[in-house]
């Protein structure tokens, strides 16, 4: 499901503003193009693409999952490794 970039605001029963985002939802059995639908925005929708793996890792950690593995992250080299690589 991918976001289309369109958004809207609605007012809840308690008077709070709620951000709605539109996303393309695939149809059953892959028939034709996806169907657009509106849903409440989540915190993950606001994150930059580079931070999304960290946010999902935090969600798994808080839920009590054993170990959340994110394969897109790479370790930062230590200063000694940087010096040896530069010559």
PDB file of N, CA and C in Angstrom:
ATOM      1  N   UNK A   1       0.839  -1.168   0.000  1.00  0.00           N
ATOM      2  CA  UNK A   1       0.000   0.000   0.000  1.00  0.00           C
ATOM      3  C   UNK A   1       0.889   1.237   0.000  1.00  0.00           C
ATOM      4  N   UNK A   2       0.675   2.092  -0.957  1.00  0.00           N
ATOM      5  CA  UNK A   2       1.495   3.286  -1.059  1.00  0.00           C
ATOM      6  C   UNK A   2       0.628   4.532  -0.944  1.00  0.00           C
ATOM      7  N   UNK A   3       1.215   5.566  -0.360  1.00  0.00           N
ATOM      8  CA  UNK A   3       0.511   6.828  -0.210  1.00  0.00           C
ATOM      9  C   UNK A   3       0.497   7.568  -1.533  1.00  0.00           C
ATOM     10  N   UNK A   4      -0.602   8.250  -1.817  1.00  0.00           N
ATOM     11  CA  UNK A   4      -0.725   8.993  -3.068  1.00  0.00           C
ATOM     12  C   UNK A   4      -0.250  10.433  -2.926  1.00  0.00           C
ATOM     13  N   UNK A   5      -0.117  10.940  -1.722  1.00  0.00           N
ATOM     14  CA  UNK A   5       0.304  12.318  -1.509  1.00  0.00           C
ATOM     15  C   UNK A   5      -0.850  13.254  -1.208  1.00  0.00           C
ATOM     16  N   UNK A   6      -2.075  12.784  -1.352  1.00  0.00           N
ATOM     17  CA  UNK A   6      -3.228  13.615  -1.042  1.00  0.00           C
ATOM     18  C   UNK A   6      -3.561  13.486   0.441  1.00  0.00           C
ATOM     19  N   UNK A   7      -4.020  14.568   1.050  1.00  0.00           N
ATOM     20  CA  UNK A   7      -4.379  14.534   2.461  1.00  0.00           C
ATOM     21  C   UNK A   7      -5.578  15.426   2.707  1.00  0.00           C
ATOM     22  N   UNK A   8      -6.180  15.276   3.870  1.00  0.00           N
ATOM     23  CA  UNK A   8      -7.357  16.030   4.247  1.00  0.00           C
ATOM     24  C   UNK A   8      -7.432  16.050   5.756  1.00  0.00           C
ATOM     25  N   UNK A   9      -8.140  17.000   6.315  1.00  0.00           N
ATOM     26  CA  UNK A   9      -8.353  17.064   7.755  1.00  0.00           C
ATOM     27  C   UNK A   9      -9.827  16.841   8.049  1.00  0.00           C
ATOM     28  N   UNK A  10     -10.094  16.208   9.187  1.00  0.00           N
ATOM     29  CA  UNK A  10     -11.467  16.080   9.660  1.00  0.00           C
ATOM     30  C   UNK A  10     -11.481  16.391  11.141  1.00  0.00           C
ATOM     31  N   UNK A  11     -12.633  16.716  11.642  1.00  0.00           N
ATOM     32  CA  UNK A  11     -12.776  17.028  13.051  1.00  0.00           C
ATOM     33  C   UNK A  11     -13.420  15.841  13.751  1.00  0.00           C
ATOM     34  N   UNK A  12     -12.836  15.416  14.864  1.00  0.00           N
ATOM     35  CA  UNK A  12     -13.384  14.275  15.596  1.00  0.00           C
ATOM     36  C   UNK A  12     -14.556  14.729  16.466  1.00  0.00           C
ATOM     37  N   UNK A  13     -15.186  13.778  17.114  1.00  0.00           N
ATOM     38  CA  UNK A  13     -16.324  14.090  17.978  1.00  0.00           C
ATOM     39  C   UNK A  13     -15.911  14.955  19.154  1.00  0.00           C
ATOM     40  N   UNK A  14     -14.656  14.825  19.581  1.00  0.00           N
ATOM     41  CA  UNK A  14     -14.186  15.610  20.724  1.00  0.00           C
ATOM     42  C   UNK A  14     -13.637  16.968  20.294  1.00  0.00           C
ATOM     43  N   UNK A  15     -13.613  17.255  18.993  1.00  0.00           N
ATOM     44  CA  UNK A  15     -13.153  18.541  18.506  1.00  0.00           C
ATOM     45  C   UNK A  15     -11.707  18.564  18.056  1.00  0.00           C
ATOM     46  N   UNK A  16     -11.022  17.430  18.127  1.00  0.00           N
ATOM     47  CA  UNK A  16      -9.627  17.368  17.685  1.00  0.00           C
ATOM     48  C   UNK A  16      -9.568  17.263  16.171  1.00  0.00           C
ATOM     49  N   UNK A  17      -8.510  17.833  15.586  1.00  0.00           N
ATOM     50  CA  UNK A  17      -8.283  17.694  14.146  1.00  0.00           C
ATOM     51  C   UNK A  17      -7.533  16.398  13.891  1.00  0.00           C
ATOM     52  N   UNK A  18      -7.974  15.653  12.896  1.00  0.00           N
ATOM     53  CA  UNK A  18      -7.345  14.387  12.531  1.00  0.00           C
ATOM     54  C   UNK A  18      -6.891  14.494  11.077  1.00  0.00           C
ATOM     55  N   UNK A  19      -5.637  14.151  10.829  1.00  0.00           N
ATOM     56  CA  UNK A  19      -5.099  14.167   9.477  1.00  0.00           C
ATOM     57  C   UNK A  19      -5.448  12.855   8.786  1.00  0.00           C
ATOM     58  N   UNK A  20      -6.049  12.948   7.605  1.00  0.00           N
ATOM     59  CA  UNK A  20      -6.363  11.779   6.792  1.00  0.00           C
ATOM     60  C   UNK A  20      -5.414  11.746   5.610  1.00  0.00           C
ATOM     61  N   UNK A  21      -4.921  10.583   5.246  1.00  0.00           N
ATOM     62  CA  UNK A  21      -4.065  10.420   4.071  1.00  0.00           C
ATOM     63  C   UNK A  21      -4.715   9.405   3.141  1.00  0.00           C
ATOM     64  N   UNK A  22      -4.456   9.572   1.850  1.00  0.00           N
ATOM     65  CA  UNK A  22      -5.010   8.653   0.866  1.00  0.00           C
ATOM     66  C   UNK A  22      -3.922   7.664   0.461  1.00  0.00           C
ATOM     67  N   UNK A  23      -4.297   6.402   0.357  1.00  0.00           N
ATOM     68  CA  UNK A  23      -3.354   5.379  -0.058  1.00  0.00           C
ATOM     69  C   UNK A  23      -4.009   4.488  -1.108  1.00  0.00           C
ATOM     70  N   UNK A  24      -3.176   3.914  -1.952  1.00  0.00           N
ATOM     71  CA  UNK A  24      -3.648   2.966  -2.963  1.00  0.00           C
ATOM     72  C   UNK A  24      -3.653   1.582  -2.339  1.00  0.00           C
ATOM     73  N   UNK A  25      -4.802   0.971  -2.314  1.00  0.00           N
ATOM     74  CA  UNK A  25      -4.917  -0.365  -1.743  1.00  0.00           C
ATOM     75  C   UNK A  25      -5.117  -1.357  -2.886  1.00  0.00           C
ATOM     76  N   UNK A  26      -4.304  -2.412  -2.949  1.00  0.00           N
ATOM     77  CA  UNK A  26      -4.455  -3.368  -4.049  1.00  0.00           C
ATOM     78  C   UNK A  26      -5.811  -4.068  -3.987  1.00  0.00           C
ATOM     79  N   UNK A  27      -6.332  -4.379  -5.152  1.00  0.00           N
ATOM     80  CA  UNK A  27      -7.614  -5.080  -5.232  1.00  0.00           C
ATOM     81  C   UNK A  27      -7.396  -6.575  -5.025  1.00  0.00           C
ATOM     82  N   UNK A  28      -8.466  -7.241  -4.727  1.00  0.00           N
ATOM     83  CA  UNK A  28      -8.403  -8.689  -4.550  1.00  0.00           C
ATOM     84  C   UNK A  28      -8.001  -9.359  -5.849  1.00  0.00           C
ATOM     85  N   UNK A  29      -7.184 -10.350  -5.779  1.00  0.00           N
ATOM     86  CA  UNK A  29      -6.761 -11.176  -6.905  1.00  0.00           C
ATOM     87  C   UNK A  29      -6.058 -10.375  -7.998  1.00  0.00           C
ATOM     88  N   UNK A  30      -5.561  -9.191  -7.677  1.00  0.00           N
ATOM     89  CA  UNK A  30      -4.774  -8.410  -8.626  1.00  0.00           C
ATOM     90  C   UNK A  30      -5.523  -7.908  -9.833  1.00  0.00           C
ATOM     91  N   UNK A  31      -6.820  -7.703  -9.708  1.00  0.00           N
ATOM     92  CA  UNK A  31      -7.616  -7.230 -10.848  1.00  0.00           C
ATOM     93  C   UNK A  31      -7.496  -5.714 -10.967  1.00  0.00           C
ATOM     94  N   UNK A  32      -6.871  -5.244 -12.016  1.00  0.00           N
ATOM     95  CA  UNK A  32      -6.830  -3.816 -12.313  1.00  0.00           C
ATOM     96  C   UNK A  32      -5.970  -3.018 -11.347  1.00  0.00           C
ATOM     97  N   UNK A  33      -6.158  -1.719 -11.402  1.00  0.00           N
ATOM     98  CA  UNK A  33      -5.369  -0.808 -10.559  1.00  0.00           C
ATOM     99  C   UNK A  33      -5.885  -0.848  -9.123  1.00  0.00           C
ATOM    100  N   UNK A  34      -5.088  -0.307  -8.229  1.00  0.00           N
ATOM    101  CA  UNK A  34      -5.480  -0.277  -6.828  1.00  0.00           C
ATOM    102  C   UNK A  34      -6.624   0.686  -6.581  1.00  0.00           C
ATOM    103  N   UNK A  35      -7.289   0.480  -5.479  1.00  0.00           N
ATOM    104  CA  UNK A  35      -8.431   1.313  -5.119  1.00  0.00           C
ATOM    105  C   UNK A  35      -7.978   2.319  -4.064  1.00  0.00           C
ATOM    106  N   UNK A  36      -8.215   3.624  -4.280  1.00  0.00           N
ATOM    107  CA  UNK A  36      -7.806   4.592  -3.259  1.00  0.00           C
ATOM    108  C   UNK A  36      -8.729   4.543  -2.046  1.00  0.00           C
ATOM    109  N   UNK A  37      -8.155   4.719  -0.862  1.00  0.00           N
ATOM    110  CA  UNK A  37      -8.946   4.784   0.358  1.00  0.00           C
ATOM    111  C   UNK A  37      -8.317   5.797   1.304  1.00  0.00           C
ATOM    112  N   UNK A  38      -9.119   6.361   2.180  1.00  0.00           N
ATOM    113  CA  UNK A  38      -8.658   7.343   3.154  1.00  0.00           C
ATOM    114  C   UNK A  38      -8.520   6.671   4.500  1.00  0.00           C
ATOM    115  N   UNK A  39      -7.452   7.013   5.223  1.00  0.00           N
ATOM    116  CA  UNK A  39      -7.252   6.485   6.573  1.00  0.00           C
ATOM    117  C   UNK A  39      -6.577   7.545   7.431  1.00  0.00           C
ATOM    118  N   UNK A  40      -6.653   7.357   8.745  1.00  0.00           N
ATOM    119  CA  UNK A  40      -5.983   8.270   9.665  1.00  0.00           C
ATOM    120  C   UNK A  40      -4.474   8.126   9.507  1.00  0.00           C
ATOM    121  N   UNK A  41      -3.764   9.246   9.559  1.00  0.00           N
ATOM    122  CA  UNK A  41      -2.311   9.213   9.435  1.00  0.00           C
ATOM    123  C   UNK A  41      -1.686   8.620  10.691  1.00  0.00           C
ATOM    124  N   UNK A  42      -0.594   7.908  10.487  1.00  0.00           N
ATOM    125  CA  UNK A  42       0.183   7.342  11.591  1.00  0.00           C
ATOM    126  C   UNK A  42       1.492   8.099  11.719  1.00  0.00           C
ATOM    127  N   UNK A  43       2.184   7.897  12.817  1.00  0.00           N
ATOM    128  CA  UNK A  43       3.457   8.560  13.032  1.00  0.00           C
ATOM    129  C   UNK A  43       4.470   8.156  11.969  1.00  0.00           C
ATOM    130  N   UNK A  44       4.410   6.921  11.504  1.00  0.00           N
ATOM    131  CA  UNK A  44       5.340   6.432  10.488  1.00  0.00           C
ATOM    132  C   UNK A  44       5.175   7.174   9.162  1.00  0.00           C
ATOM    133  N   UNK A  45       3.989   7.719   8.897  1.00  0.00           N
ATOM    134  CA  UNK A  45       3.764   8.470   7.661  1.00  0.00           C
ATOM    135  C   UNK A  45       4.545   9.770   7.628  1.00  0.00           C
ATOM    136  N   UNK A  46       4.886  10.315   8.789  1.00  0.00           N
ATOM    137  CA  UNK A  46       5.605  11.581   8.859  1.00  0.00           C
ATOM    138  C   UNK A  46       7.119  11.406   8.794  1.00  0.00           C
ATOM    139  N   UNK A  47       7.610  10.199   8.969  1.00  0.00           N
ATOM    140  CA  UNK A  47       9.052   9.961   9.058  1.00  0.00           C
ATOM    141  C   UNK A  47       9.705   9.998   7.682  1.00  0.00           C
ATOM    142  N   UNK A  48      10.955  10.447   7.663  1.00  0.00           N
ATOM    143  CA  UNK A  48      11.762  10.390   6.447  1.00  0.00           C
ATOM    144  C   UNK A  48      12.021   8.914   6.119  1.00  0.00           C
ATOM    145  N   UNK A  49      12.211   8.579   4.841  1.00  0.00           N
ATOM    146  CA  UNK A  49      12.433   7.173   4.478  1.00  0.00           C
ATOM    147  C   UNK A  49      13.632   6.538   5.192  1.00  0.00           C
ATOM    148  N   UNK A  50      14.656   7.335   5.492  1.00  0.00           N
ATOM    149  CA  UNK A  50      15.836   6.778   6.150  1.00  0.00           C
ATOM    150  C   UNK A  50      15.551   6.394   7.596  1.00  0.00           C
ATOM    151  N   UNK A  51      14.560   7.034   8.239  1.00  0.00           N
ATOM    152  CA  UNK A  51      14.273   6.758   9.645  1.00  0.00           C
ATOM    153  C   UNK A  51      13.219   5.677   9.847  1.00  0.00           C
ATOM    154  N   UNK A  52      12.537   5.270   8.812  1.00  0.00           N
ATOM    155  CA  UNK A  52      11.461   4.285   8.963  1.00  0.00           C
ATOM    156  C   UNK A  52      11.932   2.953   9.514  1.00  0.00           C
ATOM    157  N   UNK A  53      13.090   2.414   9.092  1.00  0.00           N
ATOM    158  CA  UNK A  53      13.543   1.150   9.715  1.00  0.00           C
ATOM    159  C   UNK A  53      13.772   1.280  11.209  1.00  0.00           C
ATOM    160  N   UNK A  54      14.268   2.435  11.673  1.00  0.00           N
ATOM    161  CA  UNK A  54      14.466   2.629  13.107  1.00  0.00           C
ATOM    162  C   UNK A  54      13.134   2.674  13.844  1.00  0.00           C
ATOM    163  N   UNK A  55      12.137   3.300  13.247  1.00  0.00           N
ATOM    164  CA  UNK A  55      10.842   3.389  13.910  1.00  0.00           C
ATOM    165  C   UNK A  55      10.169   2.022  13.989  1.00  0.00           C
ATOM    166  N   UNK A  56      10.308   1.205  12.950  1.00  0.00           N
ATOM    167  CA  UNK A  56       9.730  -0.132  13.012  1.00  0.00           C
ATOM    168  C   UNK A  56      10.487  -1.002  14.011  1.00  0.00           C
ATOM    169  N   UNK A  57      11.794  -0.787  14.128  1.00  0.00           N
ATOM    170  CA  UNK A  57      12.578  -1.537  15.098  1.00  0.00           C
ATOM    171  C   UNK A  57      12.140  -1.179  16.515  1.00  0.00           C
ATOM    172  N   UNK A  58      11.860   0.110  16.756  1.00  0.00           N
ATOM    173  CA  UNK A  58      11.401   0.520  18.072  1.00  0.00           C
ATOM    174  C   UNK A  58      10.038  -0.091  18.386  1.00  0.00           C
ATOM    175  N   UNK A  59       9.160  -0.147  17.385  1.00  0.00           N
ATOM    176  CA  UNK A  59       7.832  -0.719  17.587  1.00  0.00           C
ATOM    177  C   UNK A  59       7.939  -2.196  17.975  1.00  0.00           C
ATOM    178  N   UNK A  60       8.825  -2.927  17.309  1.00  0.00           N
ATOM    179  CA  UNK A  60       9.003  -4.348  17.643  1.00  0.00           C
ATOM    180  C   UNK A  60       9.596  -4.511  19.031  1.00  0.00           C
ATOM    181  N   UNK A  61      10.494  -3.605  19.411  1.00  0.00           N
ATOM    182  CA  UNK A  61      11.121  -3.677  20.730  1.00  0.00           C
ATOM    183  C   UNK A  61      10.087  -3.431  21.822  1.00  0.00           C
ATOM    184  N   UNK A  62       9.223  -2.428  21.627  1.00  0.00           N
ATOM    185  CA  UNK A  62       8.206  -2.109  22.633  1.00  0.00           C
ATOM    186  C   UNK A  62       7.143  -3.200  22.721  1.00  0.00           C
ATOM    187  N   UNK A  63       6.891  -3.888  21.632  1.00  0.00           N
ATOM    188  CA  UNK A  63       5.872  -4.938  21.631  1.00  0.00           C
ATOM    189  C   UNK A  63       6.363  -6.203  22.328  1.00  0.00           C
ATOM    190  N   UNK A  64       7.663  -6.280  22.619  1.00  0.00           N
ATOM    191  CA  UNK A  64       8.186  -7.440  23.316  1.00  0.00           C
ATOM    192  C   UNK A  64       8.672  -8.528  22.394  1.00  0.00           C
ATOM    193  N   UNK A  65       8.871  -8.205  21.117  1.00  0.00           N
ATOM    194  CA  UNK A  65       9.397  -9.199  20.187  1.00  0.00           C
ATOM    195  C   UNK A  65      10.828  -9.538  20.593  1.00  0.00           C
ATOM    196  N   UNK A  66      11.275 -10.741  20.279  1.00  0.00           N
ATOM    197  CA  UNK A  66      12.601 -11.195  20.677  1.00  0.00           C
ATOM    198  C   UNK A  66      13.710 -10.275  20.230  1.00  0.00           C
ATOM    199  N   UNK A  67      13.934 -10.177  18.941  1.00  0.00           N
ATOM    200  CA  UNK A  67      14.954  -9.272  18.430  1.00  0.00           C
ATOM    201  C   UNK A  67      14.502  -8.767  17.070  1.00  0.00           C
ATOM    202  N   UNK A  68      14.422  -7.470  16.966  1.00  0.00           N
ATOM    203  CA  UNK A  68      14.026  -6.872  15.688  1.00  0.00           C
ATOM    204  C   UNK A  68      15.277  -6.649  14.859  1.00  0.00           C
ATOM    205  N   UNK A  69      15.324  -7.219  13.688  1.00  0.00           N
ATOM    206  CA  UNK A  69      16.480  -7.050  12.819  1.00  0.00           C
ATOM    207  C   UNK A  69      16.112  -6.133  11.666  1.00  0.00           C
ATOM    208  N   UNK A  70      16.932  -5.122  11.471  1.00  0.00           N
ATOM    209  CA  UNK A  70      16.747  -4.215  10.351  1.00  0.00           C
ATOM    210  C   UNK A  70      17.962  -4.365   9.465  1.00  0.00           C
ATOM    211  N   UNK A  71      17.766  -4.855   8.266  1.00  0.00           N
ATOM    212  CA  UNK A  71      18.891  -5.178   7.396  1.00  0.00           C
ATOM    213  C   UNK A  71      19.403  -3.985   6.597  1.00  0.00           C
ATOM    214  N   UNK A  72      18.672  -2.870   6.590  1.00  0.00           N
ATOM    215  CA  UNK A  72      19.100  -1.731   5.785  1.00  0.00           C
ATOM    216  C   UNK A  72      20.086  -0.832   6.523  1.00  0.00           C
ATOM    217  N   UNK A  73      20.278  -1.034   7.815  1.00  0.00           N
ATOM    218  CA  UNK A  73      21.205  -0.206   8.580  1.00  0.00           C
ATOM    219  C   UNK A  73      22.621  -0.752   8.456  1.00  0.00           C
ATOM    220  N   UNK A  74      23.582   0.152   8.401  1.00  0.00           N
ATOM    221  CA  UNK A  74      24.991  -0.235   8.337  1.00  0.00           C
ATOM    222  C   UNK A  74      25.731   0.404   9.499  1.00  0.00           C
ATOM    223  N   UNK A  75      26.713  -0.280  10.089  1.00  0.00           N
ATOM    224  CA  UNK A  75      27.438   0.307  11.217  1.00  0.00           C
ATOM    225  C   UNK A  75      28.295   1.487  10.768  1.00  0.00           C
ATOM    226  N   UNK A  76      28.427   2.448  11.655  1.00  0.00           N
ATOM    227  CA  UNK A  76      29.261   3.620  11.383  1.00  0.00           C
ATOM    228  C   UNK A  76      30.703   3.236  11.665  1.00  0.00           C
ATOM    229  N   UNK A  77      31.630   3.499  10.727  1.00  0.00           N
ATOM    230  CA  UNK A  77      33.021   3.127  10.969  1.00  0.00           C
ATOM    231  C   UNK A  77      33.631   3.967  12.090  1.00  0.00           C
ATOM    232  N   UNK A  78      34.507   3.327  12.858  1.00  0.00           N
ATOM    233  CA  UNK A  78      35.203   4.044  13.922  1.00  0.00           C
ATOM    234  C   UNK A  78      36.276   4.934  13.320  1.00  0.00           C
ATOM    235  N   UNK A  79      36.761   5.945  14.037  1.00  0.00           N
ATOM    236  CA  UNK A  79      37.772   6.849  13.477  1.00  0.00           C
ATOM    237  C   UNK A  79      39.032   6.133  13.034  1.00  0.00           C
ATOM    238  N   UNK A  80      39.452   5.057  13.701  1.00  0.00           N
ATOM    239  CA  UNK A  80      40.661   4.347  13.291  1.00  0.00           C
ATOM    240  C   UNK A  80      40.454   3.643  11.948  1.00  0.00           C
ATOM    241  N   UNK A  81      39.247   3.124  11.704  1.00  0.00           N
ATOM    242  CA  UNK A  81      38.965   2.483  10.408  1.00  0.00           C
ATOM    243  C   UNK A  81      38.936   3.498   9.289  1.00  0.00           C
ATOM    244  N   UNK A  82      38.474   4.700   9.577  1.00  0.00           N
ATOM    245  CA  UNK A  82      38.408   5.743   8.559  1.00  0.00           C
ATOM    246  C   UNK A  82      39.823   6.166   8.164  1.00  0.00           C
ATOM    247  N   UNK A  83      40.695   6.322   9.177  1.00  0.00           N
ATOM    248  CA  UNK A  83      42.074   6.719   8.896  1.00  0.00           C
ATOM    249  C   UNK A  83      42.821   5.670   8.076  1.00  0.00           C
ATOM    250  N   UNK A  84      42.610   4.387   8.413  1.00  0.00           N
ATOM    251  CA  UNK A  84      43.319   3.330   7.663  1.00  0.00           C
ATOM    252  C   UNK A  84      42.785   3.210   6.240  1.00  0.00           C
ATOM    253  N   UNK A  85      41.501   3.510   6.030  1.00  0.00           N
ATOM    254  CA  UNK A  85      40.937   3.418   4.697  1.00  0.00           C
ATOM    255  C   UNK A  85      41.415   4.575   3.806  1.00  0.00           C
ATOM    256  N   UNK A  86      41.676   5.739   4.431  1.00  0.00           N
ATOM    257  CA  UNK A  86      42.123   6.903   3.662  1.00  0.00           C
ATOM    258  C   UNK A  86      43.615   6.863   3.344  1.00  0.00           C
ATOM    259  N   UNK A  87      44.340   5.998   3.985  1.00  0.00           N
ATOM    260  CA  UNK A  87      45.735   5.849   3.631  1.00  0.00           C
ATOM    261  C   UNK A  87      46.625   6.384   4.638  1.00  0.00           C
TER     262      UNK A  87
END
